[in-house]
PDB file of all heavy atoms in Angstrom:
ATOM      1  N   LYS A   1       0.839  -1.200   0.000  1.00  0.00           N
ATOM      2  CA  LYS A   1       0.000   0.000   0.000  1.00  0.00           C
ATOM      3  C   LYS A   1       0.873   1.249   0.000  1.00  0.00           C
ATOM      4  O   LYS A   1       0.623   2.199  -0.743  1.00  0.00           O
ATOM      5  CB  LYS A   1      -0.921  -0.010   1.219  1.00  0.00           C
ATOM      6  CG  LYS A   1      -1.826   1.200   1.310  1.00  0.00           C
ATOM      7  CD  LYS A   1      -2.680   1.151   2.564  1.00  0.00           C
ATOM      8  CE  LYS A   1      -3.464   2.450   2.702  1.00  0.00           C
ATOM      9  NZ  LYS A   1      -4.083   2.582   4.002  1.00  0.00           N
ATOM     10  N   GLU A   2       1.899   1.267   0.844  1.00  0.00           N
ATOM     11  CA  GLU A   2       2.814   2.410   0.906  1.00  0.00           C
ATOM     12  C   GLU A   2       3.506   2.629  -0.435  1.00  0.00           C
ATOM     13  O   GLU A   2       3.645   3.765  -0.900  1.00  0.00           O
ATOM     14  CB  GLU A   2       3.854   2.197   2.003  1.00  0.00           C
ATOM     15  CG  GLU A   2       3.304   2.317   3.403  1.00  0.00           C
ATOM     16  CD  GLU A   2       4.330   1.912   4.466  1.00  0.00           C
ATOM     17  OE1 GLU A   2       5.535   1.791   4.154  1.00  0.00           O
ATOM     18  OE2 GLU A   2       3.913   1.720   5.623  1.00  0.00           O
ATOM     19  N   THR A   3       3.950   1.548  -1.054  1.00  0.00           N
ATOM     20  CA  THR A   3       4.610   1.634  -2.350  1.00  0.00           C
ATOM     21  C   THR A   3       3.656   2.183  -3.403  1.00  0.00           C
ATOM     22  O   THR A   3       4.023   3.043  -4.211  1.00  0.00           O
ATOM     23  CB  THR A   3       5.149   0.253  -2.772  1.00  0.00           C
ATOM     24  OG1 THR A   3       6.063  -0.212  -1.771  1.00  0.00           O
ATOM     25  CG2 THR A   3       5.852   0.321  -4.109  1.00  0.00           C
ATOM     26  N   PHE A   4       2.430   1.694  -3.396  1.00  0.00           N
ATOM     27  CA  PHE A   4       1.422   2.161  -4.346  1.00  0.00           C
ATOM     28  C   PHE A   4       1.154   3.652  -4.161  1.00  0.00           C
ATOM     29  O   PHE A   4       1.124   4.418  -5.127  1.00  0.00           O
ATOM     30  CB  PHE A   4       0.131   1.349  -4.162  1.00  0.00           C
ATOM     31  CG  PHE A   4      -0.988   1.792  -5.048  1.00  0.00           C
ATOM     32  CD1 PHE A   4      -0.977   1.505  -6.407  1.00  0.00           C
ATOM     33  CD2 PHE A   4      -2.058   2.503  -4.530  1.00  0.00           C
ATOM     34  CE1 PHE A   4      -2.011   1.917  -7.233  1.00  0.00           C
ATOM     35  CE2 PHE A   4      -3.100   2.914  -5.343  1.00  0.00           C
ATOM     36  CZ  PHE A   4      -3.073   2.626  -6.701  1.00  0.00           C
ATOM     37  N   GLU A   5       0.973   4.083  -2.919  1.00  0.00           N
ATOM     38  CA  GLU A   5       0.703   5.498  -2.635  1.00  0.00           C
ATOM     39  C   GLU A   5       1.889   6.380  -3.026  1.00  0.00           C
ATOM     40  O   GLU A   5       1.718   7.478  -3.557  1.00  0.00           O
ATOM     41  CB  GLU A   5       0.341   5.685  -1.165  1.00  0.00           C
ATOM     42  CG  GLU A   5      -1.031   5.128  -0.823  1.00  0.00           C
ATOM     43  CD  GLU A   5      -1.338   5.127   0.668  1.00  0.00           C
ATOM     44  OE1 GLU A   5      -0.429   5.405   1.482  1.00  0.00           O
ATOM     45  OE2 GLU A   5      -2.502   4.837   1.015  1.00  0.00           O
ATOM     46  N   LYS A   6       3.068   5.899  -2.774  1.00  0.00           N
ATOM     47  CA  LYS A   6       4.267   6.652  -3.147  1.00  0.00           C
ATOM     48  C   LYS A   6       4.368   6.764  -4.669  1.00  0.00           C
ATOM     49  O   LYS A   6       4.721   7.810  -5.206  1.00  0.00           O
ATOM     50  CB  LYS A   6       5.514   5.977  -2.583  1.00  0.00           C
ATOM     51  CG  LYS A   6       6.775   6.772  -2.786  1.00  0.00           C
ATOM     52  CD  LYS A   6       7.955   6.132  -2.092  1.00  0.00           C
ATOM     53  CE  LYS A   6       9.181   6.978  -2.267  1.00  0.00           C
ATOM     54  NZ  LYS A   6      10.346   6.403  -1.624  1.00  0.00           N
ATOM     55  N   GLY A   7       4.029   5.692  -5.369  1.00  0.00           N
ATOM     56  CA  GLY A   7       4.033   5.719  -6.825  1.00  0.00           C
ATOM     57  C   GLY A   7       3.035   6.722  -7.384  1.00  0.00           C
ATOM     58  O   GLY A   7       3.341   7.464  -8.320  1.00  0.00           O
ATOM     59  N   LEU A   8       1.842   6.760  -6.801  1.00  0.00           N
ATOM     60  CA  LEU A   8       0.835   7.736  -7.238  1.00  0.00           C
ATOM     61  C   LEU A   8       1.313   9.166  -7.011  1.00  0.00           C
ATOM     62  O   LEU A   8       1.134  10.040  -7.863  1.00  0.00           O
ATOM     63  CB  LEU A   8      -0.492   7.511  -6.518  1.00  0.00           C
ATOM     64  CG  LEU A   8      -1.324   6.320  -6.974  1.00  0.00           C
ATOM     65  CD1 LEU A   8      -2.586   6.212  -6.124  1.00  0.00           C
ATOM     66  CD2 LEU A   8      -1.688   6.433  -8.443  1.00  0.00           C
ATOM     67  N   ALA A   9       1.927   9.404  -5.858  1.00  0.00           N
ATOM     68  CA  ALA A   9       2.451  10.740  -5.558  1.00  0.00           C
ATOM     69  C   ALA A   9       3.556  11.119  -6.546  1.00  0.00           C
ATOM     70  O   ALA A   9       3.613  12.258  -7.027  1.00  0.00           O
ATOM     71  CB  ALA A   9       2.975  10.796  -4.127  1.00  0.00           C
ATOM     72  N   SER A  10       4.392  10.168  -6.887  1.00  0.00           N
ATOM     73  CA  SER A  10       5.468  10.426  -7.847  1.00  0.00           C
ATOM     74  C   SER A  10       4.915  10.721  -9.235  1.00  0.00           C
ATOM     75  O   SER A  10       5.405  11.612  -9.936  1.00  0.00           O
ATOM     76  CB  SER A  10       6.429   9.238  -7.917  1.00  0.00           C
ATOM     77  OG  SER A  10       7.086   9.061  -6.685  1.00  0.00           O
ATOM     78  N   LEU A  11       3.894   9.981  -9.642  1.00  0.00           N
ATOM     79  CA  LEU A  11       3.278  10.238 -10.943  1.00  0.00           C
ATOM     80  C   LEU A  11       2.635  11.624 -10.990  1.00  0.00           C
ATOM     81  O   LEU A  11       2.721  12.318 -12.004  1.00  0.00           O
ATOM     82  CB  LEU A  11       2.241   9.165 -11.266  1.00  0.00           C
ATOM     83  CG  LEU A  11       2.796   7.789 -11.600  1.00  0.00           C
ATOM     84  CD1 LEU A  11       1.662   6.781 -11.764  1.00  0.00           C
ATOM     85  CD2 LEU A  11       3.646   7.842 -12.869  1.00  0.00           C
ATOM     86  N   THR A  12       2.023  12.026  -9.901  1.00  0.00           N
ATOM     87  CA  THR A  12       1.443  13.372  -9.828  1.00  0.00           C
ATOM     88  C   THR A  12       2.541  14.417  -9.976  1.00  0.00           C
ATOM     89  O   THR A  12       2.398  15.389 -10.726  1.00  0.00           O
ATOM     90  CB  THR A  12       0.697  13.556  -8.492  1.00  0.00           C
ATOM     91  OG1 THR A  12      -0.336  12.584  -8.405  1.00  0.00           O
ATOM     92  CG2 THR A  12       0.110  14.948  -8.369  1.00  0.00           C
ATOM     93  N   GLU A  13       3.645  14.197  -9.290  1.00  0.00           N
ATOM     94  CA  GLU A  13       4.773  15.127  -9.377  1.00  0.00           C
ATOM     95  C   GLU A  13       5.333  15.181 -10.798  1.00  0.00           C
ATOM     96  O   GLU A  13       5.638  16.259 -11.308  1.00  0.00           O
ATOM     97  CB  GLU A  13       5.866  14.696  -8.397  1.00  0.00           C
ATOM     98  CG  GLU A  13       7.046  15.639  -8.345  1.00  0.00           C
ATOM     99  CD  GLU A  13       8.122  15.166  -7.373  1.00  0.00           C
ATOM    100  OE1 GLU A  13       7.796  14.461  -6.406  1.00  0.00           O
ATOM    101  OE2 GLU A  13       9.286  15.516  -7.597  1.00  0.00           O
ATOM    102  N   LEU A  14       5.450  14.033 -11.449  1.00  0.00           N
ATOM    103  CA  LEU A  14       5.932  14.013 -12.835  1.00  0.00           C
ATOM    104  C   LEU A  14       4.992  14.798 -13.755  1.00  0.00           C
ATOM    105  O   LEU A  14       5.427  15.548 -14.623  1.00  0.00           O
ATOM    106  CB  LEU A  14       6.058  12.577 -13.347  1.00  0.00           C
ATOM    107  CG  LEU A  14       7.241  11.775 -12.855  1.00  0.00           C
ATOM    108  CD1 LEU A  14       7.176  10.350 -13.399  1.00  0.00           C
ATOM    109  CD2 LEU A  14       8.549  12.429 -13.260  1.00  0.00           C
ATOM    110  N   GLY A  15       3.699  14.595 -13.559  1.00  0.00           N
ATOM    111  CA  GLY A  15       2.721  15.310 -14.371  1.00  0.00           C
ATOM    112  C   GLY A  15       2.832  16.811 -14.186  1.00  0.00           C
ATOM    113  O   GLY A  15       2.760  17.578 -15.150  1.00  0.00           O
ATOM    114  N   GLU A  16       3.014  17.241 -12.946  1.00  0.00           N
ATOM    115  CA  GLU A  16       3.156  18.665 -12.660  1.00  0.00           C
ATOM    116  C   GLU A  16       4.437  19.227 -13.273  1.00  0.00           C
ATOM    117  O   GLU A  16       4.454  20.345 -13.783  1.00  0.00           O
ATOM    118  CB  GLU A  16       3.128  18.902 -11.150  1.00  0.00           C
ATOM    119  CG  GLU A  16       1.756  18.672 -10.541  1.00  0.00           C
ATOM    120  CD  GLU A  16       1.766  18.628  -9.017  1.00  0.00           C
ATOM    121  OE1 GLU A  16       2.854  18.689  -8.406  1.00  0.00           O
ATOM    122  OE2 GLU A  16       0.664  18.532  -8.442  1.00  0.00           O
ATOM    123  N   THR A  17       5.514  18.457 -13.238  1.00  0.00           N
ATOM    124  CA  THR A  17       6.783  18.898 -13.833  1.00  0.00           C
ATOM    125  C   THR A  17       6.647  19.045 -15.341  1.00  0.00           C
ATOM    126  O   THR A  17       7.109  20.033 -15.920  1.00  0.00           O
ATOM    127  CB  THR A  17       7.910  17.901 -13.494  1.00  0.00           C
ATOM    128  OG1 THR A  17       8.030  17.811 -12.068  1.00  0.00           O
ATOM    129  CG2 THR A  17       9.241  18.344 -14.076  1.00  0.00           C
ATOM    130  N   ALA A  18       6.007  18.076 -15.985  1.00  0.00           N
ATOM    131  CA  ALA A  18       5.801  18.159 -17.427  1.00  0.00           C
ATOM    132  C   ALA A  18       4.898  19.342 -17.773  1.00  0.00           C
ATOM    133  O   ALA A  18       5.154  20.070 -18.746  1.00  0.00           O
ATOM    134  CB  ALA A  18       5.196  16.859 -17.955  1.00  0.00           C
ATOM    135  N   GLN A  19       3.863  19.555 -16.993  1.00  0.00           N
ATOM    136  CA  GLN A  19       2.957  20.676 -17.241  1.00  0.00           C
ATOM    137  C   GLN A  19       3.705  22.002 -17.097  1.00  0.00           C
ATOM    138  O   GLN A  19       3.513  22.922 -17.890  1.00  0.00           O
ATOM    139  CB  GLN A  19       1.773  20.627 -16.280  1.00  0.00           C
ATOM    140  CG  GLN A  19       0.769  21.739 -16.527  1.00  0.00           C
ATOM    141  CD  GLN A  19      -0.423  21.653 -15.588  1.00  0.00           C
ATOM    142  OE1 GLN A  19      -0.423  20.909 -14.618  1.00  0.00           O
ATOM    143  NE2 GLN A  19      -1.444  22.439 -15.878  1.00  0.00           N
ATOM    144  N   LYS A  20       4.565  22.090 -16.104  1.00  0.00           N
ATOM    145  CA  LYS A  20       5.354  23.309 -15.893  1.00  0.00           C
ATOM    146  C   LYS A  20       6.259  23.566 -17.096  1.00  0.00           C
ATOM    147  O   LYS A  20       6.371  24.699 -17.573  1.00  0.00           O
ATOM    148  CB  LYS A  20       6.184  23.179 -14.616  1.00  0.00           C
ATOM    149  CG  LYS A  20       7.038  24.388 -14.321  1.00  0.00           C
ATOM    150  CD  LYS A  20       7.884  24.175 -13.070  1.00  0.00           C
ATOM    151  CE  LYS A  20       8.864  25.330 -12.918  1.00  0.00           C
ATOM    152  NZ  LYS A  20       9.923  25.031 -11.976  1.00  0.00           N
ATOM    153  N   ALA A  21       6.902  22.524 -17.609  1.00  0.00           N
ATOM    154  CA  ALA A  21       7.781  22.674 -18.777  1.00  0.00           C
ATOM    155  C   ALA A  21       6.982  23.149 -19.986  1.00  0.00           C
ATOM    156  O   ALA A  21       7.418  24.044 -20.718  1.00  0.00           O
ATOM    157  CB  ALA A  21       8.486  21.349 -19.087  1.00  0.00           C
ATOM    158  N   ASN A  22       5.823  22.557 -20.197  1.00  0.00           N
ATOM    159  CA  ASN A  22       4.977  22.957 -21.320  1.00  0.00           C
ATOM    160  C   ASN A  22       4.500  24.392 -21.177  1.00  0.00           C
ATOM    161  O   ASN A  22       4.490  25.156 -22.150  1.00  0.00           O
ATOM    162  CB  ASN A  22       3.768  22.030 -21.445  1.00  0.00           C
ATOM    163  CG  ASN A  22       4.148  20.664 -21.953  1.00  0.00           C
ATOM    164  OD1 ASN A  22       5.149  20.489 -22.615  1.00  0.00           O
ATOM    165  ND2 ASN A  22       3.341  19.676 -21.630  1.00  0.00           N
ATOM    166  N   THR A  23       4.087  24.764 -19.977  1.00  0.00           N
ATOM    167  CA  THR A  23       3.584  26.112 -19.737  1.00  0.00           C
ATOM    168  C   THR A  23       4.678  27.146 -19.954  1.00  0.00           C
ATOM    169  O   THR A  23       4.448  28.186 -20.577  1.00  0.00           O
ATOM    170  CB  THR A  23       3.015  26.222 -18.296  1.00  0.00           C
ATOM    171  OG1 THR A  23       1.958  25.278 -18.164  1.00  0.00           O
ATOM    172  CG2 THR A  23       2.515  27.613 -17.996  1.00  0.00           C
ATOM    173  N   GLU A  24       5.874  26.853 -19.472  1.00  0.00           N
ATOM    174  CA  GLU A  24       6.990  27.780 -19.643  1.00  0.00           C
ATOM    175  C   GLU A  24       7.333  27.958 -21.121  1.00  0.00           C
ATOM    176  O   GLU A  24       7.517  29.087 -21.588  1.00  0.00           O
ATOM    177  CB  GLU A  24       8.211  27.274 -18.867  1.00  0.00           C
ATOM    178  CG  GLU A  24       9.349  28.256 -18.820  1.00  0.00           C
ATOM    179  CD  GLU A  24      10.515  27.770 -17.962  1.00  0.00           C
ATOM    180  OE1 GLU A  24      10.307  26.929 -17.083  1.00  0.00           O
ATOM    181  OE2 GLU A  24      11.638  28.256 -18.189  1.00  0.00           O
ATOM    182  N   ALA A  25       7.398  26.870 -21.856  1.00  0.00           N
ATOM    183  CA  ALA A  25       7.698  26.951 -23.287  1.00  0.00           C
ATOM    184  C   ALA A  25       6.588  27.703 -24.017  1.00  0.00           C
ATOM    185  O   ALA A  25       6.859  28.552 -24.882  1.00  0.00           O
ATOM    186  CB  ALA A  25       7.866  25.549 -23.870  1.00  0.00           C
ATOM    187  N   PHE A  26       5.347  27.408 -23.689  1.00  0.00           N
ATOM    188  CA  PHE A  26       4.215  28.089 -24.333  1.00  0.00           C
ATOM    189  C   PHE A  26       4.248  29.588 -24.044  1.00  0.00           C
ATOM    190  O   PHE A  26       4.007  30.401 -24.939  1.00  0.00           O
ATOM    191  CB  PHE A  26       2.883  27.491 -23.847  1.00  0.00           C
ATOM    192  CG  PHE A  26       1.691  28.246 -24.346  1.00  0.00           C
ATOM    193  CD1 PHE A  26       1.233  28.066 -25.641  1.00  0.00           C
ATOM    194  CD2 PHE A  26       1.039  29.154 -23.526  1.00  0.00           C
ATOM    195  CE1 PHE A  26       0.145  28.777 -26.117  1.00  0.00           C
ATOM    196  CE2 PHE A  26      -0.048  29.870 -23.991  1.00  0.00           C
ATOM    197  CZ  PHE A  26      -0.500  29.689 -25.290  1.00  0.00           C
ATOM    198  N   GLU A  27       4.541  29.965 -22.818  1.00  0.00           N
ATOM    199  CA  GLU A  27       4.556  31.384 -22.449  1.00  0.00           C
ATOM    200  C   GLU A  27       5.638  32.141 -23.220  1.00  0.00           C
ATOM    201  O   GLU A  27       5.418  33.281 -23.634  1.00  0.00           O
ATOM    202  CB  GLU A  27       4.741  31.537 -20.940  1.00  0.00           C
ATOM    203  CG  GLU A  27       4.663  32.960 -20.455  1.00  0.00           C
ATOM    204  CD  GLU A  27       3.401  33.702 -20.855  1.00  0.00           C
ATOM    205  OE1 GLU A  27       2.320  33.091 -20.936  1.00  0.00           O
ATOM    206  OE2 GLU A  27       3.482  34.927 -21.101  1.00  0.00           O
ATOM    207  N   ILE A  28       6.774  31.530 -23.427  1.00  0.00           N
ATOM    208  CA  ILE A  28       7.841  32.163 -24.211  1.00  0.00           C
ATOM    209  C   ILE A  28       7.342  32.429 -25.625  1.00  0.00           C
ATOM    210  O   ILE A  28       7.498  33.533 -26.163  1.00  0.00           O
ATOM    211  CB  ILE A  28       9.117  31.293 -24.233  1.00  0.00           C
ATOM    212  CG1 ILE A  28       9.759  31.271 -22.842  1.00  0.00           C
ATOM    213  CG2 ILE A  28      10.110  31.795 -25.274  1.00  0.00           C
ATOM    214  CD1 ILE A  28      10.854  30.221 -22.673  1.00  0.00           C
TER     215      ILE A  28
END
């Protein structure tokens, strides 16, 4: 359960990082 929850949190973080990269490039 802990591993699963940690994986979900990591995937959320990855999604946010990718979104940030896209937003920054788009804004430029």
